[in-house]
Every structure is written in structure tokens, then in C-alpha cells.
C-alpha atoms as a PDB file:
ATOM      1  CA  MET A   1      27.504 -12.355  46.906  1.00  0.00           C
ATOM      2  CA  SER A   2      27.873 -15.328  44.602  1.00  0.00           C
ATOM      3  CA  ARG A   3      26.493 -15.523  41.123  1.00  0.00           C
ATOM      4  CA  THR A   4      25.826 -18.534  39.000  1.00  0.00           C
ATOM      5  CA  LEU A   5      26.624 -18.258  35.359  1.00  0.00           C
ATOM      6  CA  ARG A   6      23.842 -19.694  33.286  1.00  0.00           C
ATOM      7  CA  ILE A   7      24.632 -20.512  29.654  1.00  0.00           C
ATOM      8  CA  ILE A   8      21.632 -21.140  27.463  1.00  0.00           C
ATOM      9  CA  HIS A   9      22.219 -22.737  24.072  1.00  0.00           C
ATOM     10  CA  ASP A  10      20.342 -21.748  21.135  1.00  0.00           C
ATOM     11  CA  ASP A  11      19.975 -24.820  19.194  1.00  0.00           C
ATOM     12  CA  ARG A  12      18.399 -24.437  15.742  1.00  0.00           C
ATOM     13  CA  GLU A  13      19.888 -27.471  13.962  1.00  0.00           C
ATOM     14  CA  SER A  14      18.257 -30.656  12.914  1.00  0.00           C
ATOM     15  CA  PHE A  15      19.216 -34.045  14.462  1.00  0.00           C
ATOM     16  CA  PHE A  16      18.152 -37.676  14.134  1.00  0.00           C
ATOM     17  CA  CYS A  17      16.270 -39.230  17.063  1.00  0.00           C
ATOM     18  CA  ARG A  18      18.276 -41.760  18.972  1.00  0.00           C
ATOM     19  CA  ARG A  19      15.251 -43.921  19.742  1.00  0.00           C
ATOM     20  CA  CYS A  20      13.258 -43.898  16.452  1.00  0.00           C
ATOM     21  CA  GLY A  21      15.761 -42.504  13.930  1.00  0.00           C
ATOM     22  CA  SER A  22      13.386 -39.838  12.627  1.00  0.00           C
ATOM     23  CA  PRO A  23      14.879 -36.500  11.435  1.00  0.00           C
ATOM     24  CA  VAL A  24      14.067 -33.730  13.960  1.00  0.00           C
ATOM     25  CA  PRO A  25      13.827 -30.235  12.635  1.00  0.00           C
ATOM     26  CA  PRO A  26      14.597 -27.140  14.709  1.00  0.00           C
ATOM     27  CA  SER A  27      11.762 -25.947  16.987  1.00  0.00           C
ATOM     28  CA  ILE A  28       8.997 -24.239  15.050  1.00  0.00           C
ATOM     29  CA  ALA A  29       6.973 -23.310  18.009  1.00  0.00           C
ATOM     30  CA  GLY A  30       8.951 -20.316  19.076  1.00  0.00           C
ATOM     31  CA  GLY A  31      11.046 -22.262  21.622  1.00  0.00           C
ATOM     32  CA  ARG A  32      14.754 -21.610  21.969  1.00  0.00           C
ATOM     33  CA  ASN A  33      15.696 -25.271  21.668  1.00  0.00           C
ATOM     34  CA  ARG A  34      14.319 -28.427  20.442  1.00  0.00           C
ATOM     35  CA  ASN A  35      14.755 -31.191  23.230  1.00  0.00           C
ATOM     36  CA  HIS A  36      12.582 -34.019  22.027  1.00  0.00           C
ATOM     37  CA  CYS A  37      11.560 -35.964  18.965  1.00  0.00           C
ATOM     38  CA  PRO A  38       8.147 -34.801  17.706  1.00  0.00           C
ATOM     39  CA  ASN A  39       7.376 -38.420  16.470  1.00  0.00           C
ATOM     40  CA  CYS A  40       8.234 -40.718  19.487  1.00  0.00           C
ATOM     41  CA  LEU A  41       8.551 -37.853  22.051  1.00  0.00           C
ATOM     42  CA  SER A  42      11.815 -39.278  23.254  1.00  0.00           C
ATOM     43  CA  SER A  43      14.598 -36.922  24.523  1.00  0.00           C
ATOM     44  CA  LEU A  44      18.191 -36.943  25.709  1.00  0.00           C
ATOM     45  CA  HIS A  45      19.223 -35.958  29.160  1.00  0.00           C
ATOM     46  CA  LEU A  46      21.381 -32.982  28.088  1.00  0.00           C
ATOM     47  CA  ASP A  47      20.416 -30.252  30.603  1.00  0.00           C
ATOM     48  CA  ILE A  48      21.017 -29.670  34.194  1.00  0.00           C
ATOM     49  CA  VAL A  49      19.030 -26.429  33.922  1.00  0.00           C
ATOM     50  CA  ALA A  50      16.694 -26.001  30.911  1.00  0.00           C
ATOM     51  CA  GLY A  51      18.682 -25.105  27.904  1.00  0.00           C
ATOM     52  CA  ASP A  52      22.219 -25.231  29.310  1.00  0.00           C
ATOM     53  CA  ARG A  53      23.279 -28.597  27.680  1.00  0.00           C
ATOM     54  CA  ARG A  54      25.723 -29.238  30.529  1.00  0.00           C
ATOM     55  CA  SER A  55      24.481 -32.668  31.798  1.00  0.00           C
ATOM     56  CA  PRO A  56      27.201 -35.274  31.882  1.00  0.00           C
ATOM     57  CA  CYS A  57      24.598 -38.118  31.724  1.00  0.00           C
ATOM     58  CA  LYS A  58      23.519 -37.906  28.040  1.00  0.00           C
ATOM     59  CA  GLY A  59      21.102 -40.735  28.648  1.00  0.00           C
ATOM     60  CA  LEU A  60      17.989 -41.488  26.458  1.00  0.00           C
ATOM     61  CA  MET A  61      14.848 -40.182  28.129  1.00  0.00           C
ATOM     62  CA  ARG A  62      11.683 -42.119  27.604  1.00  0.00           C
ATOM     63  CA  PRO A  63       8.291 -40.383  27.638  1.00  0.00           C
ATOM     64  CA  ILE A  64       6.347 -41.879  30.473  1.00  0.00           C
ATOM     65  CA  ALA A  65       3.236 -39.513  30.833  1.00  0.00           C
ATOM     66  CA  VAL A  66       1.656 -36.218  29.959  1.00  0.00           C
ATOM     67  CA  TRP A  67       1.037 -33.562  32.544  1.00  0.00           C
ATOM     68  CA  ALA A  68      -1.655 -30.850  32.052  1.00  0.00           C
ATOM     69  CA  LYS A  69      -0.667 -27.717  34.074  1.00  0.00           C
ATOM     70  CA  PRO A  70      -3.348 -25.679  35.775  1.00  0.00           C
ATOM     71  CA  ASP A  71      -3.084 -23.108  32.913  1.00  0.00           C
ATOM     72  CA  GLY A  72      -3.896 -25.824  30.369  1.00  0.00           C
ATOM     73  CA  GLU A  73      -0.397 -26.121  28.926  1.00  0.00           C
ATOM     74  CA  TRP A  74       0.574 -29.792  28.471  1.00  0.00           C
ATOM     75  CA  SER A  75       4.101 -31.152  29.213  1.00  0.00           C
ATOM     76  CA  VAL A  76       5.654 -34.530  28.651  1.00  0.00           C
ATOM     77  CA  LEU A  77       7.238 -36.370  31.639  1.00  0.00           C
ATOM     78  CA  HIS A  78      10.477 -38.061  30.595  1.00  0.00           C
ATOM     79  CA  HIS A  79      12.439 -40.642  32.589  1.00  0.00           C
ATOM     80  CA  CYS A  80      16.158 -41.019  31.974  1.00  0.00           C
ATOM     81  CA  GLU A  81      16.945 -44.628  31.320  1.00  0.00           C
ATOM     82  CA  ARG A  82      20.695 -44.068  32.545  1.00  0.00           C
ATOM     83  CA  CYS A  83      20.384 -42.037  35.765  1.00  0.00           C
ATOM     84  CA  GLY A  84      16.612 -42.251  36.571  1.00  0.00           C
ATOM     85  CA  ILE A  85      15.826 -38.568  36.676  1.00  0.00           C
ATOM     86  CA  ILE A  86      12.247 -37.465  35.782  1.00  0.00           C
ATOM     87  CA  ARG A  87      11.872 -34.106  34.025  1.00  0.00           C
ATOM     88  CA  ALA A  88       8.838 -32.253  32.465  1.00  0.00           C
ATOM     89  CA  THR A  89       9.317 -30.856  29.005  1.00  0.00           C
ATOM     90  CA  ARG A  90       6.757 -28.586  27.273  1.00  0.00           C
ATOM     91  CA  ILE A  91       5.042 -30.000  24.201  1.00  0.00           C
ATOM     92  CA  ALA A  92       5.733 -28.389  20.854  1.00  0.00           C
ATOM     93  CA  ALA A  93       3.265 -27.404  18.232  1.00  0.00           C
ATOM     94  CA  ASP A  94       4.521 -30.174  15.794  1.00  0.00           C
ATOM     95  CA  ASP A  95       4.487 -33.000  18.341  1.00  0.00           C
ATOM     96  CA  ASP A  96       2.625 -36.095  17.098  1.00  0.00           C
ATOM     97  CA  GLU A  97      -0.999 -35.757  18.513  1.00  0.00           C
ATOM     98  CA  GLY A  98      -1.485 -39.514  18.487  1.00  0.00           C
ATOM     99  CA  ALA A  99       1.649 -40.069  20.455  1.00  0.00           C
ATOM    100  CA  LEU A 100       0.588 -37.490  23.009  1.00  0.00           C
ATOM    101  CA  LEU A 101      -2.927 -38.977  23.205  1.00  0.00           C
ATOM    102  CA  LYS A 102      -1.449 -42.515  23.666  1.00  0.00           C
ATOM    103  CA  LEU A 103       0.599 -41.301  26.565  1.00  0.00           C
ATOM    104  CA  ALA A 104      -2.420 -39.490  28.074  1.00  0.00           C
ATOM    105  CA  LEU A 105      -4.595 -42.518  27.864  1.00  0.00           C
ATOM    106  CA  LYS A 106      -2.114 -45.139  29.022  1.00  0.00           C
ATOM    107  CA  PRO A 107      -3.376 -45.169  32.642  1.00  0.00           C
ATOM    108  CA  ILE A 108      -6.903 -45.666  31.416  1.00  0.00           C
ATOM    109  CA  ALA A 109      -5.886 -48.601  29.268  1.00  0.00           C
ATOM    110  CA  ARG A 110      -4.282 -50.248  32.224  1.00  0.00           C
ATOM    111  CA  LEU A 111      -6.768 -49.816  35.037  1.00  0.00           C
ATOM    112  CA  PRO A 112      -5.869 -51.536  38.219  1.00  0.00           C
ATOM    113  CA  PHE A 113      -9.424 -52.694  38.759  1.00  0.00           C
ATOM    114  CA  PRO A 114     -12.132 -54.238  36.461  1.00  0.00           C
ATOM    115  CA  LEU A 115     -14.837 -52.149  34.866  1.00  0.00           C
ATOM    116  CA  GLU A 116     -18.375 -53.206  35.551  1.00  0.00           C
ATOM    117  CA  THR A 117     -20.382 -53.785  32.363  1.00  0.00           C
END
């Protein structure tokens, strides 16, 4: 029987966002690791499996949408600008609500058809 060793890093250090430059505090929402900027919602492609910090890519991950799970929990969908992978990341309590709403409303702002008035 083979076993896979899974290493989870407990990152409780602040960092600066590579996209907007904002200081990013450790997670305050009870999560083990902070993986995106609460201001611009951008992330880095650090994980192969959530929390392992073993991805060789290290590309910037742009927020492209929000996803509401059936239980009502929201996640941000990120697209890696380097390798193209798309990943879902749970929102955090201190994420900018305006940025989340902007992502959620983006499809409505860009309708593929005209609205009748």
C-alpha cells in the first residue's frame, strides 16, 4: 500500500500583495493559511494540494469570478496567468466586499444581449 505524504504549511505571517502592493495580514477568519489579498483578491499559485505550498509555478492568480456553493459559502475562482490553471479559494471574513460584489456582478455588466427598455 502506498501513502502520500501531505505537508500543510501554517502560514501566519504578513506579506505584500504582488498585484496591488497592499500589506496582507495573516488570516483572521480561522483558516490555516492566507492565500489571497483581501483588497484586490489576487493570489499566487503556491499549492498543488491546498496548503502544501509545493507548486513550482508561483504565477500570479487573477480573480475571475465568484462561486456560491450549494451550502451558501462563497469562493473566488482564480486563473493562473503563468500556467492557466483555475482554482477555487474560500473567501475570508476580511475580504473587500466591494471587490467581491464587483466580481459577482461582472457577468451582468457585460450581457451578451441587449436589455429591452
